[in-house]
Amino acid sequence: MKNTYIFLRHGETIKDPTIHPKEWKLTPEALTVINKYLDLDIIKQVNYIYSSTENKSVTTLKPIATFLSKKIIEVSNFVEIGRSPKFLSDKEFLIQKKRQLTEYQTEVDGGESAEHALNRFKEGIEQIEKTHSEQMILIGTHGTILSLYFANILNQMDQTYERWSKLPFCAYGVIRNDKVEKDII
């Protein structure tokens, strides 16, 4: 990688069983956390901002984009792992997540396999690499896909679920020169 990447997980969401998780809104506290990032030197160095096309990622990045006077470039490669629109209880969600992150080639509950999601995400990074060189890139995305990506780079795929279970909302990690400079967890 020629660019330096800051990966940011979206803020905590308000779970609403009446709409698809892609449309969930952020909690008021999430924006308070994001606003604290405006003081970080690494954020002030960002040249380009990319986001998943999902509302929660775009909304998470808006305060940063406004602060830096940058536009948010939405890319479908950075959406969360494909999932069923069915609302799940917390217990059902954890069972589904464990299957997604341990049975990599399985399309769990009609969703996307972890292997496919990871490859899709990597293709998005490759496109940025072809577009920019030696830039600071901020990418706002989701917990499952970030857990997969960082586990892959760290050669810890067997620990993906455990890594995901430790990943807080609004967490960020940094990858520079193909190496994890700051782990996402």
N, C-alpha and C. Protein backbone atom coordinates (compact mmCIF):
# COMPACT_ATOMS: atom_id res chain seq x y z
N MET A 1 0.83 -1.19 0.00
CA MET A 1 0.00 0.00 0.00
C MET A 1 0.87 1.24 0.00
N LYS A 2 0.56 2.13 -0.89
CA LYS A 2 1.28 3.39 -0.94
C LYS A 2 0.61 4.44 -0.06
N ASN A 3 -0.67 4.28 0.15
CA ASN A 3 -1.42 5.23 0.97
C ASN A 3 -1.41 4.78 2.42
N THR A 4 -1.71 5.71 3.30
CA THR A 4 -1.96 5.38 4.71
C THR A 4 -3.46 5.40 4.89
N TYR A 5 -3.98 4.38 5.58
CA TYR A 5 -5.41 4.24 5.76
C TYR A 5 -5.80 4.33 7.22
N ILE A 6 -6.80 5.15 7.47
CA ILE A 6 -7.44 5.18 8.78
C ILE A 6 -8.81 4.54 8.56
N PHE A 7 -9.08 3.48 9.27
CA PHE A 7 -10.36 2.79 9.17
C PHE A 7 -11.17 3.13 10.42
N LEU A 8 -12.40 3.57 10.22
CA LEU A 8 -13.25 4.01 11.32
C LEU A 8 -14.56 3.24 11.30
N ARG A 9 -14.83 2.59 12.41
CA ARG A 9 -16.13 1.92 12.54
C ARG A 9 -17.19 2.97 12.84
N HIS A 10 -18.35 2.81 12.27
CA HIS A 10 -19.44 3.76 12.51
C HIS A 10 -19.81 3.81 13.99
N GLY A 11 -20.54 4.86 14.35
CA GLY A 11 -21.00 5.03 15.72
C GLY A 11 -22.12 4.07 16.08
N GLU A 12 -22.41 4.02 17.37
CA GLU A 12 -23.46 3.14 17.85
C GLU A 12 -24.80 3.54 17.25
N THR A 13 -25.61 2.55 16.95
CA THR A 13 -26.88 2.80 16.28
C THR A 13 -28.07 2.55 17.21
N ILE A 14 -29.18 3.14 16.82
CA ILE A 14 -30.46 2.88 17.49
C ILE A 14 -31.10 1.73 16.74
N LYS A 15 -31.23 0.60 17.40
CA LYS A 15 -31.81 -0.58 16.75
C LYS A 15 -33.32 -0.37 16.58
N ASP A 16 -33.75 -0.48 15.36
CA ASP A 16 -35.16 -0.26 15.02
C ASP A 16 -35.65 -1.46 14.21
N PRO A 17 -36.48 -2.30 14.82
CA PRO A 17 -36.95 -3.51 14.12
C PRO A 17 -37.84 -3.23 12.91
N THR A 18 -38.29 -1.99 12.74
CA THR A 18 -39.20 -1.67 11.64
C THR A 18 -38.48 -1.31 10.35
N ILE A 19 -37.15 -1.14 10.42
CA ILE A 19 -36.39 -0.80 9.20
C ILE A 19 -35.15 -1.69 9.09
N HIS A 20 -34.63 -1.79 7.90
CA HIS A 20 -33.42 -2.58 7.64
C HIS A 20 -32.25 -1.96 8.39
N PRO A 21 -31.36 -2.78 8.95
CA PRO A 21 -30.19 -2.24 9.66
C PRO A 21 -29.37 -1.23 8.85
N LYS A 22 -29.40 -1.33 7.53
CA LYS A 22 -28.66 -0.37 6.69
C LYS A 22 -29.16 1.06 6.91
N GLU A 23 -30.39 1.20 7.38
CA GLU A 23 -31.00 2.52 7.53
C GLU A 23 -31.02 3.02 8.98
N TRP A 24 -30.47 2.24 9.89
CA TRP A 24 -30.49 2.66 11.29
C TRP A 24 -29.75 3.98 11.47
N LYS A 25 -30.21 4.75 12.43
CA LYS A 25 -29.61 6.04 12.74
C LYS A 25 -28.66 5.90 13.92
N LEU A 26 -27.78 6.87 14.08
CA LEU A 26 -26.82 6.87 15.19
C LEU A 26 -27.47 7.38 16.48
N THR A 27 -26.94 6.91 17.59
CA THR A 27 -27.35 7.45 18.88
C THR A 27 -26.77 8.85 19.02
N PRO A 28 -27.37 9.71 19.82
CA PRO A 28 -26.79 11.04 20.04
C PRO A 28 -25.37 10.97 20.61
N GLU A 29 -25.11 9.97 21.42
CA GLU A 29 -23.78 9.82 22.02
C GLU A 29 -22.71 9.52 20.97
N ALA A 30 -23.09 8.85 19.90
CA ALA A 30 -22.13 8.50 18.85
C ALA A 30 -21.49 9.74 18.25
N LEU A 31 -22.28 10.75 17.99
CA LEU A 31 -21.73 11.97 17.40
C LEU A 31 -20.82 12.72 18.38
N THR A 32 -21.10 12.60 19.67
CA THR A 32 -20.22 13.19 20.68
C THR A 32 -18.84 12.53 20.62
N VAL A 33 -18.82 11.21 20.48
CA VAL A 33 -17.55 10.49 20.37
C VAL A 33 -16.80 10.91 19.11
N ILE A 34 -17.49 10.96 17.99
CA ILE A 34 -16.86 11.33 16.72
C ILE A 34 -16.28 12.74 16.79
N ASN A 35 -16.97 13.65 17.41
CA ASN A 35 -16.46 15.02 17.50
C ASN A 35 -15.13 15.10 18.25
N LYS A 36 -14.88 14.17 19.14
CA LYS A 36 -13.59 14.13 19.85
C LYS A 36 -12.44 13.80 18.90
N TYR A 37 -12.73 13.11 17.81
CA TYR A 37 -11.70 12.75 16.84
C TYR A 37 -11.19 13.96 16.06
N LEU A 38 -11.93 15.04 16.09
CA LEU A 38 -11.52 16.23 15.34
C LEU A 38 -10.22 16.82 15.89
N ASP A 39 -9.86 16.47 17.10
CA ASP A 39 -8.63 16.97 17.71
C ASP A 39 -7.41 16.09 17.39
N LEU A 40 -7.62 14.94 16.79
CA LEU A 40 -6.50 14.03 16.52
C LEU A 40 -5.67 14.54 15.33
N ASP A 41 -4.36 14.58 15.51
CA ASP A 41 -3.47 15.03 14.43
C ASP A 41 -3.63 14.19 13.17
N ILE A 42 -3.79 12.89 13.32
CA ILE A 42 -3.90 12.03 12.15
C ILE A 42 -5.17 12.35 11.34
N ILE A 43 -6.24 12.72 12.01
CA ILE A 43 -7.47 13.09 11.31
C ILE A 43 -7.26 14.39 10.54
N LYS A 44 -6.52 15.30 11.10
CA LYS A 44 -6.26 16.59 10.44
C LYS A 44 -5.42 16.43 9.17
N GLN A 45 -4.77 15.27 9.01
CA GLN A 45 -3.93 15.01 7.84
C GLN A 45 -4.67 14.31 6.70
N VAL A 46 -5.95 13.99 6.90
CA VAL A 46 -6.71 13.24 5.91
C VAL A 46 -6.86 14.03 4.61
N ASN A 47 -6.56 13.34 3.50
CA ASN A 47 -6.71 13.94 2.17
C ASN A 47 -8.03 13.57 1.50
N TYR A 48 -8.49 12.33 1.74
CA TYR A 48 -9.72 11.84 1.11
C TYR A 48 -10.52 11.03 2.13
N ILE A 49 -11.84 11.14 2.01
CA ILE A 49 -12.74 10.42 2.90
C ILE A 49 -13.64 9.51 2.06
N TYR A 50 -13.59 8.23 2.37
CA TYR A 50 -14.44 7.23 1.72
C TYR A 50 -15.37 6.63 2.77
N SER A 51 -16.52 6.18 2.30
CA SER A 51 -17.49 5.59 3.20
C SER A 51 -18.24 4.46 2.53
N SER A 52 -18.71 3.58 3.36
CA SER A 52 -19.75 2.64 2.94
C SER A 52 -20.94 3.48 2.49
N THR A 53 -21.81 2.90 1.71
CA THR A 53 -23.01 3.61 1.28
C THR A 53 -24.11 3.56 2.34
N GLU A 54 -23.86 2.87 3.43
CA GLU A 54 -24.88 2.77 4.48
C GLU A 54 -24.94 4.05 5.31
N ASN A 55 -26.15 4.43 5.69
CA ASN A 55 -26.42 5.67 6.42
C ASN A 55 -25.54 5.84 7.65
N LYS A 56 -25.38 4.78 8.44
CA LYS A 56 -24.64 4.92 9.71
C LYS A 56 -23.17 5.28 9.49
N SER A 57 -22.58 4.82 8.41
CA SER A 57 -21.19 5.18 8.12
C SER A 57 -21.08 6.61 7.61
N VAL A 58 -21.95 6.97 6.69
CA VAL A 58 -21.93 8.32 6.15
C VAL A 58 -22.18 9.34 7.26
N THR A 59 -23.16 9.08 8.10
CA THR A 59 -23.48 10.00 9.20
C THR A 59 -22.32 10.11 10.18
N THR A 60 -21.63 9.02 10.43
CA THR A 60 -20.46 9.04 11.32
C THR A 60 -19.38 9.96 10.77
N LEU A 61 -19.20 9.95 9.47
CA LEU A 61 -18.13 10.73 8.85
C LEU A 61 -18.46 12.21 8.62
N LYS A 62 -19.73 12.55 8.64
CA LYS A 62 -20.12 13.93 8.31
C LYS A 62 -19.42 14.99 9.16
N PRO A 63 -19.32 14.84 10.49
CA PRO A 63 -18.63 15.89 11.25
C PRO A 63 -17.15 16.04 10.85
N ILE A 64 -16.51 14.94 10.52
CA ILE A 64 -15.11 15.00 10.10
C ILE A 64 -15.00 15.67 8.74
N ALA A 65 -15.86 15.28 7.83
CA ALA A 65 -15.84 15.87 6.48
C ALA A 65 -16.11 17.37 6.54
N THR A 66 -17.05 17.77 7.35
CA THR A 66 -17.35 19.19 7.50
C THR A 66 -16.14 19.93 8.08
N PHE A 67 -15.56 19.37 9.12
CA PHE A 67 -14.39 19.97 9.78
C PHE A 67 -13.23 20.14 8.80
N LEU A 68 -13.02 19.14 7.95
CA LEU A 68 -11.89 19.16 7.01
C LEU A 68 -12.25 19.79 5.66
N SER A 69 -13.49 20.16 5.47
CA SER A 69 -13.98 20.67 4.18
C SER A 69 -13.70 19.68 3.05
N LYS A 70 -14.02 18.43 3.30
CA LYS A 70 -13.83 17.35 2.32
C LYS A 70 -15.18 16.73 2.00
N LYS A 71 -15.30 16.19 0.81
CA LYS A 71 -16.52 15.47 0.48
C LYS A 71 -16.34 14.00 0.85
N ILE A 72 -17.45 13.33 1.07
CA ILE A 72 -17.45 11.91 1.38
C ILE A 72 -17.74 11.15 0.08
N ILE A 73 -16.84 10.25 -0.26
CA ILE A 73 -17.01 9.43 -1.46
C ILE A 73 -17.58 8.08 -1.03
N GLU A 74 -18.81 7.80 -1.42
CA GLU A 74 -19.47 6.56 -1.02
C GLU A 74 -19.12 5.44 -1.99
N VAL A 75 -18.75 4.30 -1.44
CA VAL A 75 -18.32 3.14 -2.23
C VAL A 75 -19.04 1.89 -1.70
N SER A 76 -19.71 1.20 -2.58
CA SER A 76 -20.48 0.02 -2.17
C SER A 76 -19.59 -1.13 -1.70
N ASN A 77 -18.32 -1.15 -2.10
CA ASN A 77 -17.41 -2.21 -1.64
C ASN A 77 -17.23 -2.19 -0.13
N PHE A 78 -17.51 -1.06 0.50
CA PHE A 78 -17.26 -0.91 1.93
C PHE A 78 -18.48 -1.14 2.80
N VAL A 79 -19.60 -1.63 2.21
CA VAL A 79 -20.77 -1.93 3.03
C VAL A 79 -20.47 -3.12 3.93
N GLU A 80 -21.32 -3.28 4.94
CA GLU A 80 -21.18 -4.39 5.87
C GLU A 80 -21.42 -5.71 5.16
N ILE A 81 -21.00 -6.77 5.77
CA ILE A 81 -21.24 -8.10 5.21
C ILE A 81 -22.75 -8.24 4.95
N GLY A 82 -23.10 -8.77 3.78
CA GLY A 82 -24.51 -8.92 3.41
C GLY A 82 -25.25 -9.76 4.44
N ARG A 83 -26.44 -9.31 4.80
CA ARG A 83 -27.19 -9.99 5.85
C ARG A 83 -28.68 -9.96 5.52
N SER A 84 -29.39 -10.81 6.22
CA SER A 84 -30.85 -10.86 6.06
C SER A 84 -31.46 -9.60 6.67
N PRO A 85 -32.52 -9.08 6.07
CA PRO A 85 -33.17 -7.89 6.64
C PRO A 85 -33.97 -8.20 7.90
N LYS A 86 -34.13 -9.48 8.23
CA LYS A 86 -34.91 -9.88 9.41
C LYS A 86 -34.26 -9.34 10.68
N PHE A 87 -35.06 -8.73 11.55
CA PHE A 87 -34.56 -8.23 12.83
C PHE A 87 -34.26 -9.41 13.74
N LEU A 88 -33.09 -9.40 14.36
CA LEU A 88 -32.66 -10.49 15.23
C LEU A 88 -32.58 -10.02 16.67
N SER A 89 -32.92 -10.91 17.59
CA SER A 89 -32.70 -10.61 19.01
C SER A 89 -31.19 -10.57 19.23
N ASP A 90 -30.75 -10.05 20.36
CA ASP A 90 -29.31 -9.99 20.64
C ASP A 90 -28.69 -11.39 20.59
N LYS A 91 -29.39 -12.38 21.15
CA LYS A 91 -28.88 -13.75 21.15
C LYS A 91 -28.78 -14.30 19.72
N GLU A 92 -29.82 -14.11 18.92
CA GLU A 92 -29.81 -14.57 17.53
C GLU A 92 -28.68 -13.87 16.74
N PHE A 93 -28.52 -12.58 16.99
CA PHE A 93 -27.49 -11.82 16.30
C PHE A 93 -26.09 -12.38 16.60
N LEU A 94 -25.81 -12.68 17.87
CA LEU A 94 -24.49 -13.22 18.24
C LEU A 94 -24.25 -14.59 17.63
N ILE A 95 -25.28 -15.40 17.58
CA ILE A 95 -25.15 -16.73 16.95
C ILE A 95 -24.84 -16.56 15.47
N GLN A 96 -25.59 -15.67 14.80
CA GLN A 96 -25.36 -15.43 13.38
C GLN A 96 -23.95 -14.89 13.14
N LYS A 97 -23.52 -13.93 13.97
CA LYS A 97 -22.21 -13.31 13.79
C LYS A 97 -21.09 -14.34 13.97
N LYS A 98 -21.23 -15.21 14.94
CA LYS A 98 -20.20 -16.23 15.16
C LYS A 98 -20.11 -17.15 13.95
N ARG A 99 -21.24 -17.54 13.40
CA ARG A 99 -21.22 -18.38 12.20
C ARG A 99 -20.57 -17.64 11.03
N GLN A 100 -20.94 -16.37 10.84
CA GLN A 100 -20.36 -15.59 9.74
C GLN A 100 -18.84 -15.52 9.85
N LEU A 101 -18.34 -15.37 11.05
CA LEU A 101 -16.91 -15.13 11.24
C LEU A 101 -16.09 -16.40 11.50
N THR A 102 -16.74 -17.54 11.52
CA THR A 102 -16.00 -18.80 11.67
C THR A 102 -16.22 -19.74 10.48
N GLU A 103 -17.35 -19.62 9.81
CA GLU A 103 -17.64 -20.43 8.63
C GLU A 103 -17.50 -19.52 7.41
N TYR A 104 -16.26 -19.19 7.06
CA TYR A 104 -15.95 -18.13 6.10
C TYR A 104 -16.59 -18.28 4.73
N GLN A 105 -16.79 -19.50 4.28
CA GLN A 105 -17.31 -19.71 2.93
C GLN A 105 -18.81 -19.92 2.90
N THR A 106 -19.45 -19.84 4.07
CA THR A 106 -20.88 -20.09 4.16
C THR A 106 -21.67 -18.79 4.10
N GLU A 107 -22.73 -18.80 3.29
CA GLU A 107 -23.66 -17.66 3.25
C GLU A 107 -24.68 -17.88 4.35
N VAL A 108 -24.44 -17.26 5.50
CA VAL A 108 -25.26 -17.48 6.68
C VAL A 108 -26.60 -16.76 6.55
N ASP A 109 -27.68 -17.49 6.78
CA ASP A 109 -29.05 -16.95 6.76
C ASP A 109 -29.35 -16.14 5.50
N GLY A 110 -28.87 -16.62 4.37
CA GLY A 110 -29.15 -15.95 3.11
C GLY A 110 -28.31 -14.72 2.85
N GLY A 111 -27.34 -14.47 3.72
CA GLY A 111 -26.46 -13.31 3.55
C GLY A 111 -25.24 -13.65 2.71
N GLU A 112 -24.26 -12.82 2.77
CA GLU A 112 -23.01 -12.95 2.02
C GLU A 112 -21.99 -13.73 2.86
N SER A 113 -21.16 -14.53 2.22
CA SER A 113 -20.12 -15.22 2.97
C SER A 113 -19.05 -14.23 3.40
N ALA A 114 -18.37 -14.53 4.51
CA ALA A 114 -17.28 -13.67 5.00
C ALA A 114 -16.17 -13.59 3.96
N GLU A 115 -15.91 -14.69 3.30
CA GLU A 115 -14.87 -14.72 2.28
C GLU A 115 -15.20 -13.74 1.15
N HIS A 116 -16.43 -13.77 0.68
CA HIS A 116 -16.84 -12.86 -0.39
C HIS A 116 -16.78 -11.41 0.08
N ALA A 117 -17.27 -11.14 1.29
CA ALA A 117 -17.26 -9.77 1.83
C ALA A 117 -15.83 -9.24 1.94
N LEU A 118 -14.92 -10.07 2.43
CA LEU A 118 -13.53 -9.65 2.57
C LEU A 118 -12.91 -9.35 1.20
N ASN A 119 -13.16 -10.20 0.23
CA ASN A 119 -12.63 -9.97 -1.12
C ASN A 119 -13.20 -8.70 -1.74
N ARG A 120 -14.48 -8.47 -1.53
CA ARG A 120 -15.13 -7.25 -2.02
C ARG A 120 -14.48 -6.01 -1.39
N PHE A 121 -14.24 -6.07 -0.09
CA PHE A 121 -13.63 -4.96 0.63
C PHE A 121 -12.21 -4.70 0.12
N LYS A 122 -11.45 -5.77 -0.07
CA LYS A 122 -10.08 -5.63 -0.58
C LYS A 122 -10.06 -5.02 -1.99
N GLU A 123 -11.05 -5.38 -2.80
CA GLU A 123 -11.15 -4.78 -4.14
C GLU A 123 -11.36 -3.27 -4.04
N GLY A 124 -12.14 -2.84 -3.07
CA GLY A 124 -12.35 -1.41 -2.85
C GLY A 124 -11.05 -0.70 -2.50
N ILE A 125 -10.25 -1.33 -1.65
CA ILE A 125 -8.93 -0.77 -1.28
C ILE A 125 -8.02 -0.72 -2.51
N GLU A 126 -8.04 -1.78 -3.30
CA GLU A 126 -7.21 -1.81 -4.52
C GLU A 126 -7.58 -0.68 -5.47
N GLN A 127 -8.86 -0.37 -5.58
CA GLN A 127 -9.29 0.74 -6.44
C GLN A 127 -8.75 2.07 -5.93
N ILE A 128 -8.77 2.25 -4.62
CA ILE A 128 -8.21 3.48 -4.05
C ILE A 128 -6.71 3.55 -4.32
N GLU A 129 -6.04 2.42 -4.20
CA GLU A 129 -4.59 2.38 -4.47
C GLU A 129 -4.28 2.79 -5.90
N LYS A 130 -5.17 2.44 -6.83
CA LYS A 130 -4.97 2.81 -8.23
C LYS A 130 -5.27 4.29 -8.47
N THR A 131 -6.06 4.88 -7.60
CA THR A 131 -6.51 6.27 -7.77
C THR A 131 -5.61 7.28 -7.07
N HIS A 132 -5.09 6.91 -5.90
CA HIS A 132 -4.30 7.84 -5.08
C HIS A 132 -2.95 7.23 -4.74
N SER A 133 -1.99 8.08 -4.49
CA SER A 133 -0.67 7.62 -4.09
C SER A 133 -0.14 8.51 -2.97
N GLU A 134 0.35 7.87 -1.93
CA GLU A 134 0.96 8.55 -0.78
C GLU A 134 0.02 9.59 -0.16
N GLN A 135 -1.24 9.18 0.02
CA GLN A 135 -2.25 10.05 0.63
C GLN A 135 -2.71 9.45 1.95
N MET A 136 -3.32 10.28 2.77
CA MET A 136 -3.95 9.83 4.01
C MET A 136 -5.42 9.65 3.70
N ILE A 137 -5.90 8.41 3.78
CA ILE A 137 -7.26 8.06 3.38
C ILE A 137 -8.04 7.62 4.62
N LEU A 138 -9.19 8.22 4.85
CA LEU A 138 -10.09 7.81 5.92
C LEU A 138 -11.22 7.01 5.30
N ILE A 139 -11.47 5.82 5.85
CA ILE A 139 -12.56 4.98 5.36
C ILE A 139 -13.49 4.66 6.52
N GLY A 140 -14.74 5.07 6.39
CA GLY A 140 -15.76 4.76 7.38
C GLY A 140 -16.54 3.53 6.94
N THR A 141 -16.62 2.55 7.82
CA THR A 141 -17.26 1.30 7.46
C THR A 141 -17.81 0.60 8.70
N HIS A 142 -17.82 -0.71 8.71
CA HIS A 142 -18.58 -1.48 9.68
C HIS A 142 -17.72 -2.50 10.43
N GLY A 143 -18.23 -2.91 11.58
CA GLY A 143 -17.49 -3.76 12.48
C GLY A 143 -17.12 -5.13 11.95
N THR A 144 -18.04 -5.81 11.31
CA THR A 144 -17.74 -7.16 10.83
C THR A 144 -16.69 -7.13 9.73
N ILE A 145 -16.87 -6.24 8.78
CA ILE A 145 -15.93 -6.17 7.66
C ILE A 145 -14.55 -5.71 8.14
N LEU A 146 -14.51 -4.79 9.11
CA LEU A 146 -13.22 -4.35 9.65
C LEU A 146 -12.55 -5.46 10.44
N SER A 147 -13.33 -6.24 11.16
CA SER A 147 -12.76 -7.38 11.90
C SER A 147 -12.12 -8.36 10.93
N LEU A 148 -12.80 -8.64 9.83
CA LEU A 148 -12.25 -9.54 8.81
C LEU A 148 -10.97 -8.97 8.20
N TYR A 149 -11.01 -7.70 7.84
CA TYR A 149 -9.87 -7.08 7.15
C TYR A 149 -8.62 -7.02 8.04
N PHE A 150 -8.79 -6.59 9.27
CA PHE A 150 -7.63 -6.51 10.17
C PHE A 150 -7.13 -7.90 10.54
N ALA A 151 -8.04 -8.85 10.77
CA ALA A 151 -7.62 -10.22 11.07
C ALA A 151 -6.83 -10.80 9.90
N ASN A 152 -7.26 -10.50 8.68
CA ASN A 152 -6.56 -10.97 7.50
C ASN A 152 -5.15 -10.40 7.42
N ILE A 153 -5.02 -9.10 7.60
CA ILE A 153 -3.70 -8.47 7.53
C ILE A 153 -2.78 -8.97 8.64
N LEU A 154 -3.36 -9.21 9.83
CA LEU A 154 -2.56 -9.67 10.97
C LEU A 154 -2.37 -11.18 10.99
N ASN A 155 -2.89 -11.87 9.95
CA ASN A 155 -2.83 -13.32 9.89
C ASN A 155 -3.45 -13.96 11.14
N GLN A 156 -4.63 -13.44 11.52
CA GLN A 156 -5.34 -13.93 12.71
C GLN A 156 -6.78 -14.31 12.36
N MET A 157 -6.96 -14.89 11.20
CA MET A 157 -8.31 -15.22 10.76
C MET A 157 -9.03 -16.16 11.73
N ASP A 158 -8.28 -17.00 12.42
CA ASP A 158 -8.90 -17.90 13.38
C ASP A 158 -9.40 -17.15 14.63
N GLN A 159 -9.08 -15.87 14.74
CA GLN A 159 -9.49 -15.06 15.90
C GLN A 159 -10.49 -13.96 15.50
N THR A 160 -11.05 -14.05 14.31
CA THR A 160 -11.90 -12.97 13.81
C THR A 160 -13.10 -12.72 14.71
N TYR A 161 -13.79 -13.75 15.14
CA TYR A 161 -14.97 -13.54 15.99
C TYR A 161 -14.56 -12.90 17.32
N GLU A 162 -13.49 -13.38 17.92
CA GLU A 162 -13.04 -12.81 19.19
C GLU A 162 -12.64 -11.35 19.01
N ARG A 163 -11.99 -11.04 17.90
CA ARG A 163 -11.61 -9.66 17.62
C ARG A 163 -12.87 -8.80 17.47
N TRP A 164 -13.85 -9.32 16.70
CA TRP A 164 -15.10 -8.58 16.51
C TRP A 164 -15.78 -8.30 17.85
N SER A 165 -15.80 -9.28 18.74
CA SER A 165 -16.50 -9.13 20.02
C SER A 165 -15.85 -8.06 20.91
N LYS A 166 -14.62 -7.68 20.63
CA LYS A 166 -13.92 -6.65 21.40
C LYS A 166 -13.95 -5.28 20.73
N LEU A 167 -14.52 -5.20 19.54
CA LEU A 167 -14.46 -3.98 18.74
C LEU A 167 -15.55 -2.98 19.15
N PRO A 168 -15.17 -1.86 19.72
CA PRO A 168 -16.20 -0.88 20.11
C PRO A 168 -16.66 -0.04 18.92
N PHE A 169 -17.81 0.57 19.06
CA PHE A 169 -18.27 1.52 18.06
C PHE A 169 -17.29 2.70 18.04
N CYS A 170 -17.17 3.31 16.90
CA CYS A 170 -16.28 4.47 16.69
C CYS A 170 -14.80 4.14 16.87
N ALA A 171 -14.45 2.86 16.87
CA ALA A 171 -13.03 2.49 16.96
C ALA A 171 -12.35 2.83 15.64
N TYR A 172 -11.06 3.14 15.72
CA TYR A 172 -10.32 3.36 14.49
C TYR A 172 -8.98 2.63 14.54
N GLY A 173 -8.50 2.27 13.37
CA GLY A 173 -7.21 1.62 13.23
C GLY A 173 -6.48 2.25 12.06
N VAL A 174 -5.16 2.07 12.03
CA VAL A 174 -4.33 2.68 10.99
C VAL A 174 -3.45 1.61 10.36
N ILE A 175 -3.43 1.63 9.03
CA ILE A 175 -2.55 0.73 8.27
C ILE A 175 -1.68 1.61 7.38
N ARG A 176 -0.37 1.43 7.55
CA ARG A 176 0.62 2.18 6.77
C ARG A 176 1.64 1.18 6.23
N ASN A 177 1.96 1.29 4.96
CA ASN A 177 2.93 0.38 4.33
C ASN A 177 2.58 -1.08 4.55
N ASP A 178 1.29 -1.40 4.36
CA ASP A 178 0.80 -2.78 4.49
C ASP A 178 0.94 -3.37 5.90
N LYS A 179 1.21 -2.52 6.88
CA LYS A 179 1.37 -3.00 8.26
C LYS A 179 0.37 -2.27 9.16
N VAL A 180 -0.11 -3.00 10.15
CA VAL A 180 -1.02 -2.39 11.11
C VAL A 180 -0.20 -1.53 12.06
N GLU A 181 -0.41 -0.24 11.96
CA GLU A 181 0.28 0.72 12.84
C GLU A 181 -0.50 0.92 14.13
N LYS A 182 -1.83 0.90 14.03
CA LYS A 182 -2.71 0.96 15.20
C LYS A 182 -3.84 -0.03 14.95
N ASP A 183 -3.91 -1.04 15.80
CA ASP A 183 -4.95 -2.05 15.64
C ASP A 183 -6.33 -1.43 15.92
N ILE A 184 -7.31 -1.95 15.26
CA ILE A 184 -8.68 -1.44 15.39
C ILE A 184 -9.28 -1.80 16.74
N ILE A 185 -8.78 -2.86 17.38
CA ILE A 185 -9.33 -3.25 18.70
C ILE A 185 -8.38 -2.83 19.81
